[in-house]
């Protein structure tokens, strides 16, 4: 089982960029402009770490980064969920674990609202977002990545607390 870390090891930035570049090239024909934009924005974000209102979560198995997600709340007014990716061979629950780790952080920081940008067709991710309470608030066609897609914005107001443990189970130790 992959561990979820918040202290990026050497090479983490390159691994997360590579996961994005390979997935979106293979499945959506996004090219170098997409990879460059992910690299620039993720690089700028990681230069601000550590930051009390921003966190990068990495799923790692041995020395391999299998997935990532970030909460960027540096402006406090517009906290964003970003760079959510899981390697194809690691799917089957890891994305849900990463999303819950990020939402727990957002809830603990008291962000009143989270937004995320994505596009139509990423159905597995959309199911996770909607299960977590995100609501589609905007969509429009755009060619931001060199390919026309229907870009979407999802919003979560007051990130919910995690579900309580089933009856008859003890709460986790503090």
C-alpha atoms as a PDB file:
ATOM      1  CA  UNK A   1       0.000   0.000   0.000  1.00  0.00           C
ATOM      2  CA  UNK A   2       1.282   3.441  -0.905  1.00  0.00           C
ATOM      3  CA  UNK A   3       2.210   5.930   1.781  1.00  0.00           C
ATOM      4  CA  UNK A   4       0.923   9.485   1.581  1.00  0.00           C
ATOM      5  CA  UNK A   5       3.678  11.997   2.281  1.00  0.00           C
ATOM      6  CA  UNK A   6       3.695  15.775   2.627  1.00  0.00           C
ATOM      7  CA  UNK A   7       7.449  16.300   2.472  1.00  0.00           C
ATOM      8  CA  UNK A   8       8.465  15.985  -1.171  1.00  0.00           C
ATOM      9  CA  UNK A   9      11.617  13.906  -1.692  1.00  0.00           C
ATOM     10  CA  UNK A  10      14.183  14.827  -4.368  1.00  0.00           C
ATOM     11  CA  UNK A  11      12.714  14.307  -7.819  1.00  0.00           C
ATOM     12  CA  UNK A  12       9.096  14.701  -6.676  1.00  0.00           C
ATOM     13  CA  UNK A  13       8.403  17.736  -8.827  1.00  0.00           C
ATOM     14  CA  UNK A  14       9.681  16.007 -11.960  1.00  0.00           C
ATOM     15  CA  UNK A  15       7.687  12.852 -11.171  1.00  0.00           C
ATOM     16  CA  UNK A  16       4.410  14.747 -10.727  1.00  0.00           C
ATOM     17  CA  UNK A  17       4.984  16.708 -13.929  1.00  0.00           C
ATOM     18  CA  UNK A  18       5.765  13.468 -15.759  1.00  0.00           C
ATOM     19  CA  UNK A  19       2.583  11.784 -14.484  1.00  0.00           C
ATOM     20  CA  UNK A  20       0.547  14.699 -15.821  1.00  0.00           C
ATOM     21  CA  UNK A  21       2.411  14.951 -19.133  1.00  0.00           C
ATOM     22  CA  UNK A  22       2.168  11.237 -19.901  1.00  0.00           C
ATOM     23  CA  UNK A  23      -1.470  10.802 -18.875  1.00  0.00           C
ATOM     24  CA  UNK A  24      -2.803  13.871 -20.681  1.00  0.00           C
ATOM     25  CA  UNK A  25      -0.734  13.221 -23.783  1.00  0.00           C
ATOM     26  CA  UNK A  26      -1.852   9.581 -23.995  1.00  0.00           C
ATOM     27  CA  UNK A  27      -5.545  10.160 -23.255  1.00  0.00           C
ATOM     28  CA  UNK A  28      -6.195  13.735 -24.451  1.00  0.00           C
ATOM     29  CA  UNK A  29      -3.406  14.599 -26.935  1.00  0.00           C
ATOM     30  CA  UNK A  30      -2.165  17.485 -24.770  1.00  0.00           C
ATOM     31  CA  UNK A  31       1.383  18.362 -25.731  1.00  0.00           C
ATOM     32  CA  UNK A  32       4.350  20.393 -24.610  1.00  0.00           C
ATOM     33  CA  UNK A  33       2.356  23.584 -23.797  1.00  0.00           C
ATOM     34  CA  UNK A  34       0.373  21.610 -21.192  1.00  0.00           C
ATOM     35  CA  UNK A  35       3.522  20.068 -19.701  1.00  0.00           C
ATOM     36  CA  UNK A  36       5.237  23.471 -19.576  1.00  0.00           C
ATOM     37  CA  UNK A  37       2.274  25.085 -17.854  1.00  0.00           C
ATOM     38  CA  UNK A  38       2.063  22.308 -15.248  1.00  0.00           C
ATOM     39  CA  UNK A  39       5.825  22.588 -14.684  1.00  0.00           C
ATOM     40  CA  UNK A  40       5.749  26.376 -14.288  1.00  0.00           C
ATOM     41  CA  UNK A  41       2.723  26.487 -11.987  1.00  0.00           C
ATOM     42  CA  UNK A  42       3.708  23.485  -9.872  1.00  0.00           C
ATOM     43  CA  UNK A  43       7.263  24.825  -9.626  1.00  0.00           C
ATOM     44  CA  UNK A  44       6.028  28.220  -8.431  1.00  0.00           C
ATOM     45  CA  UNK A  45       3.763  26.506  -5.889  1.00  0.00           C
ATOM     46  CA  UNK A  46       6.489  24.261  -4.483  1.00  0.00           C
ATOM     47  CA  UNK A  47       8.853  27.230  -4.069  1.00  0.00           C
ATOM     48  CA  UNK A  48       6.335  28.593  -1.539  1.00  0.00           C
ATOM     49  CA  UNK A  49       6.466  25.400   0.567  1.00  0.00           C
ATOM     50  CA  UNK A  50       6.378  24.989   3.454  1.00  0.00           C
ATOM     51  CA  UNK A  51       3.381  27.274   3.842  1.00  0.00           C
ATOM     52  CA  UNK A  52       0.686  26.953   6.511  1.00  0.00           C
ATOM     53  CA  UNK A  53      -2.126  27.201   3.941  1.00  0.00           C
ATOM     54  CA  UNK A  54      -0.642  25.092   1.153  1.00  0.00           C
ATOM     55  CA  UNK A  55       0.236  21.427   1.024  1.00  0.00           C
ATOM     56  CA  UNK A  56       1.365  18.922  -1.591  1.00  0.00           C
ATOM     57  CA  UNK A  57       0.358  15.323  -0.898  1.00  0.00           C
ATOM     58  CA  UNK A  58       2.295  12.555  -2.635  1.00  0.00           C
ATOM     59  CA  UNK A  59       1.394   8.874  -2.824  1.00  0.00           C
ATOM     60  CA  UNK A  60       4.590   6.829  -2.817  1.00  0.00           C
ATOM     61  CA  UNK A  61       5.360   3.136  -3.001  1.00  0.00           C
ATOM     62  CA  UNK A  62       9.026   2.372  -2.386  1.00  0.00           C
ATOM     63  CA  UNK A  63      10.752   5.115  -4.387  1.00  0.00           C
ATOM     64  CA  UNK A  64       7.981   5.671  -6.966  1.00  0.00           C
ATOM     65  CA  UNK A  65       5.519   8.543  -6.890  1.00  0.00           C
ATOM     66  CA  UNK A  66       2.158   7.061  -7.828  1.00  0.00           C
ATOM     67  CA  UNK A  67      -0.020  10.121  -7.377  1.00  0.00           C
ATOM     68  CA  UNK A  68      -0.341  13.661  -6.133  1.00  0.00           C
ATOM     69  CA  UNK A  69      -2.801  16.324  -5.080  1.00  0.00           C
ATOM     70  CA  UNK A  70      -2.367  19.807  -3.657  1.00  0.00           C
ATOM     71  CA  UNK A  71      -4.335  22.376  -1.735  1.00  0.00           C
ATOM     72  CA  UNK A  72      -3.262  25.918  -2.487  1.00  0.00           C
ATOM     73  CA  UNK A  73      -4.816  28.296   0.010  1.00  0.00           C
ATOM     74  CA  UNK A  74      -2.093  30.917   0.025  1.00  0.00           C
ATOM     75  CA  UNK A  75      -4.615  33.642  -0.793  1.00  0.00           C
ATOM     76  CA  UNK A  76      -7.077  32.329   1.840  1.00  0.00           C
ATOM     77  CA  UNK A  77      -9.955  33.790  -0.227  1.00  0.00           C
ATOM     78  CA  UNK A  78      -9.780  31.264  -3.028  1.00  0.00           C
ATOM     79  CA  UNK A  79      -8.328  27.946  -1.880  1.00  0.00           C
ATOM     80  CA  UNK A  80      -7.812  25.592  -4.796  1.00  0.00           C
ATOM     81  CA  UNK A  81      -7.461  21.860  -5.201  1.00  0.00           C
ATOM     82  CA  UNK A  82      -4.794  21.276  -7.861  1.00  0.00           C
ATOM     83  CA  UNK A  83      -2.600  18.725  -9.634  1.00  0.00           C
ATOM     84  CA  UNK A  84      -4.699  15.675  -8.763  1.00  0.00           C
ATOM     85  CA  UNK A  85      -3.243  12.690 -10.605  1.00  0.00           C
ATOM     86  CA  UNK A  86      -2.844   8.953 -10.033  1.00  0.00           C
ATOM     87  CA  UNK A  87      -0.759   6.653 -12.218  1.00  0.00           C
ATOM     88  CA  UNK A  88      -2.950   4.342 -14.308  1.00  0.00           C
ATOM     89  CA  UNK A  89      -1.509   1.199 -12.693  1.00  0.00           C
ATOM     90  CA  UNK A  90      -2.142   2.545  -9.153  1.00  0.00           C
ATOM     91  CA  UNK A  91      -5.861   3.302  -9.488  1.00  0.00           C
ATOM     92  CA  UNK A  92      -8.453   1.589  -7.352  1.00  0.00           C
ATOM     93  CA  UNK A  93      -8.700   3.610  -4.133  1.00  0.00           C
ATOM     94  CA  UNK A  94      -5.504   5.645  -4.112  1.00  0.00           C
ATOM     95  CA  UNK A  95      -7.188   8.695  -5.632  1.00  0.00           C
ATOM     96  CA  UNK A  96      -9.865   8.603  -2.956  1.00  0.00           C
ATOM     97  CA  UNK A  97      -7.176   8.424  -0.235  1.00  0.00           C
ATOM     98  CA  UNK A  98      -5.322  11.401  -1.715  1.00  0.00           C
ATOM     99  CA  UNK A  99      -8.516  13.437  -2.052  1.00  0.00           C
ATOM    100  CA  UNK A 100      -9.522  12.724   1.545  1.00  0.00           C
ATOM    101  CA  UNK A 101      -6.066  13.721   2.813  1.00  0.00           C
ATOM    102  CA  UNK A 102      -6.321  17.015   0.928  1.00  0.00           C
ATOM    103  CA  UNK A 103      -9.871  17.700   2.125  1.00  0.00           C
ATOM    104  CA  UNK A 104      -8.904  16.928   5.725  1.00  0.00           C
ATOM    105  CA  UNK A 105      -6.124  19.523   5.433  1.00  0.00           C
ATOM    106  CA  UNK A 106      -8.513  22.083   3.904  1.00  0.00           C
ATOM    107  CA  UNK A 107     -11.068  21.479   6.649  1.00  0.00           C
ATOM    108  CA  UNK A 108      -8.406  21.789   9.360  1.00  0.00           C
ATOM    109  CA  UNK A 109      -7.233  25.104   7.856  1.00  0.00           C
ATOM    110  CA  UNK A 110     -10.823  26.399   7.885  1.00  0.00           C
ATOM    111  CA  UNK A 111     -11.114  27.333   4.231  1.00  0.00           C
ATOM    112  CA  UNK A 112     -14.707  28.402   3.588  1.00  0.00           C
ATOM    113  CA  UNK A 113     -14.580  27.256  -0.035  1.00  0.00           C
ATOM    114  CA  UNK A 114     -12.483  25.156  -2.384  1.00  0.00           C
ATOM    115  CA  UNK A 115     -12.479  25.314  -6.158  1.00  0.00           C
ATOM    116  CA  UNK A 116     -10.915  23.091  -8.765  1.00  0.00           C
ATOM    117  CA  UNK A 117     -10.537  23.398 -12.499  1.00  0.00           C
ATOM    118  CA  UNK A 118     -10.878  20.359 -14.728  1.00  0.00           C
ATOM    119  CA  UNK A 119     -12.642  19.412 -17.943  1.00  0.00           C
ATOM    120  CA  UNK A 120     -15.461  17.136 -19.082  1.00  0.00           C
ATOM    121  CA  UNK A 121     -14.511  13.521 -19.717  1.00  0.00           C
ATOM    122  CA  UNK A 122     -12.467  12.833 -16.584  1.00  0.00           C
ATOM    123  CA  UNK A 123     -15.344  10.753 -15.243  1.00  0.00           C
ATOM    124  CA  UNK A 124     -13.577   8.850 -12.436  1.00  0.00           C
ATOM    125  CA  UNK A 125     -12.229  12.089 -10.958  1.00  0.00           C
ATOM    126  CA  UNK A 126     -15.607  13.782 -11.318  1.00  0.00           C
ATOM    127  CA  UNK A 127     -17.272  10.952  -9.364  1.00  0.00           C
ATOM    128  CA  UNK A 128     -14.769  11.453  -6.556  1.00  0.00           C
ATOM    129  CA  UNK A 129     -15.323  15.215  -6.551  1.00  0.00           C
ATOM    130  CA  UNK A 130     -19.098  14.884  -6.447  1.00  0.00           C
ATOM    131  CA  UNK A 131     -18.965  12.193  -3.732  1.00  0.00           C
ATOM    132  CA  UNK A 132     -16.924  14.668  -1.668  1.00  0.00           C
ATOM    133  CA  UNK A 133     -19.575  17.382  -2.139  1.00  0.00           C
ATOM    134  CA  UNK A 134     -18.128  19.423  -5.011  1.00  0.00           C
ATOM    135  CA  UNK A 135     -20.718  20.978  -7.326  1.00  0.00           C
ATOM    136  CA  UNK A 136     -20.216  21.980 -10.952  1.00  0.00           C
ATOM    137  CA  UNK A 137     -20.437  25.788 -10.995  1.00  0.00           C
ATOM    138  CA  UNK A 138     -19.201  26.671 -14.489  1.00  0.00           C
ATOM    139  CA  UNK A 139     -18.356  25.057 -17.798  1.00  0.00           C
ATOM    140  CA  UNK A 140     -17.424  26.343 -21.225  1.00  0.00           C
ATOM    141  CA  UNK A 141     -15.473  25.155 -24.268  1.00  0.00           C
ATOM    142  CA  UNK A 142     -11.847  26.286 -24.334  1.00  0.00           C
ATOM    143  CA  UNK A 143      -8.570  25.399 -26.015  1.00  0.00           C
ATOM    144  CA  UNK A 144      -6.281  26.311 -23.122  1.00  0.00           C
ATOM    145  CA  UNK A 145      -4.189  23.171 -23.647  1.00  0.00           C
ATOM    146  CA  UNK A 146      -4.082  23.230 -27.444  1.00  0.00           C
ATOM    147  CA  UNK A 147      -7.053  20.852 -27.696  1.00  0.00           C
ATOM    148  CA  UNK A 148     -10.644  22.034 -27.388  1.00  0.00           C
ATOM    149  CA  UNK A 149     -12.320  20.600 -24.294  1.00  0.00           C
ATOM    150  CA  UNK A 150     -15.205  21.634 -22.081  1.00  0.00           C
ATOM    151  CA  UNK A 151     -13.426  23.223 -19.126  1.00  0.00           C
ATOM    152  CA  UNK A 152     -15.233  22.980 -15.807  1.00  0.00           C
ATOM    153  CA  UNK A 153     -15.043  24.569 -12.373  1.00  0.00           C
ATOM    154  CA  UNK A 154     -16.241  22.658  -9.324  1.00  0.00           C
ATOM    155  CA  UNK A 155     -16.795  24.291  -5.941  1.00  0.00           C
ATOM    156  CA  UNK A 156     -17.023  22.877  -2.436  1.00  0.00           C
ATOM    157  CA  UNK A 157     -18.403  25.166   0.239  1.00  0.00           C
ATOM    158  CA  UNK A 158     -17.303  24.538   3.842  1.00  0.00           C
ATOM    159  CA  UNK A 159     -15.422  21.275   3.315  1.00  0.00           C
ATOM    160  CA  UNK A 160     -17.219  18.661   5.397  1.00  0.00           C
ATOM    161  CA  UNK A 161     -15.762  16.819   8.334  1.00  0.00           C
ATOM    162  CA  UNK A 162     -14.901  13.199   7.672  1.00  0.00           C
ATOM    163  CA  UNK A 163     -17.714  10.728   8.242  1.00  0.00           C
ATOM    164  CA  UNK A 164     -17.907   9.489  11.836  1.00  0.00           C
ATOM    165  CA  UNK A 165     -16.640   5.947  12.495  1.00  0.00           C
ATOM    166  CA  UNK A 166     -19.254   3.194  12.388  1.00  0.00           C
ATOM    167  CA  UNK A 167     -21.192   2.610  15.608  1.00  0.00           C
ATOM    168  CA  UNK A 168     -19.355   0.483  18.101  1.00  0.00           C
ATOM    169  CA  UNK A 169     -15.855   1.504  17.007  1.00  0.00           C
ATOM    170  CA  UNK A 170     -13.516   3.535  19.129  1.00  0.00           C
ATOM    171  CA  UNK A 171     -12.380   6.930  17.839  1.00  0.00           C
ATOM    172  CA  UNK A 172      -8.735   7.152  16.797  1.00  0.00           C
ATOM    173  CA  UNK A 173      -6.265   7.895  19.560  1.00  0.00           C
ATOM    174  CA  UNK A 174      -5.167  11.506  19.805  1.00  0.00           C
END
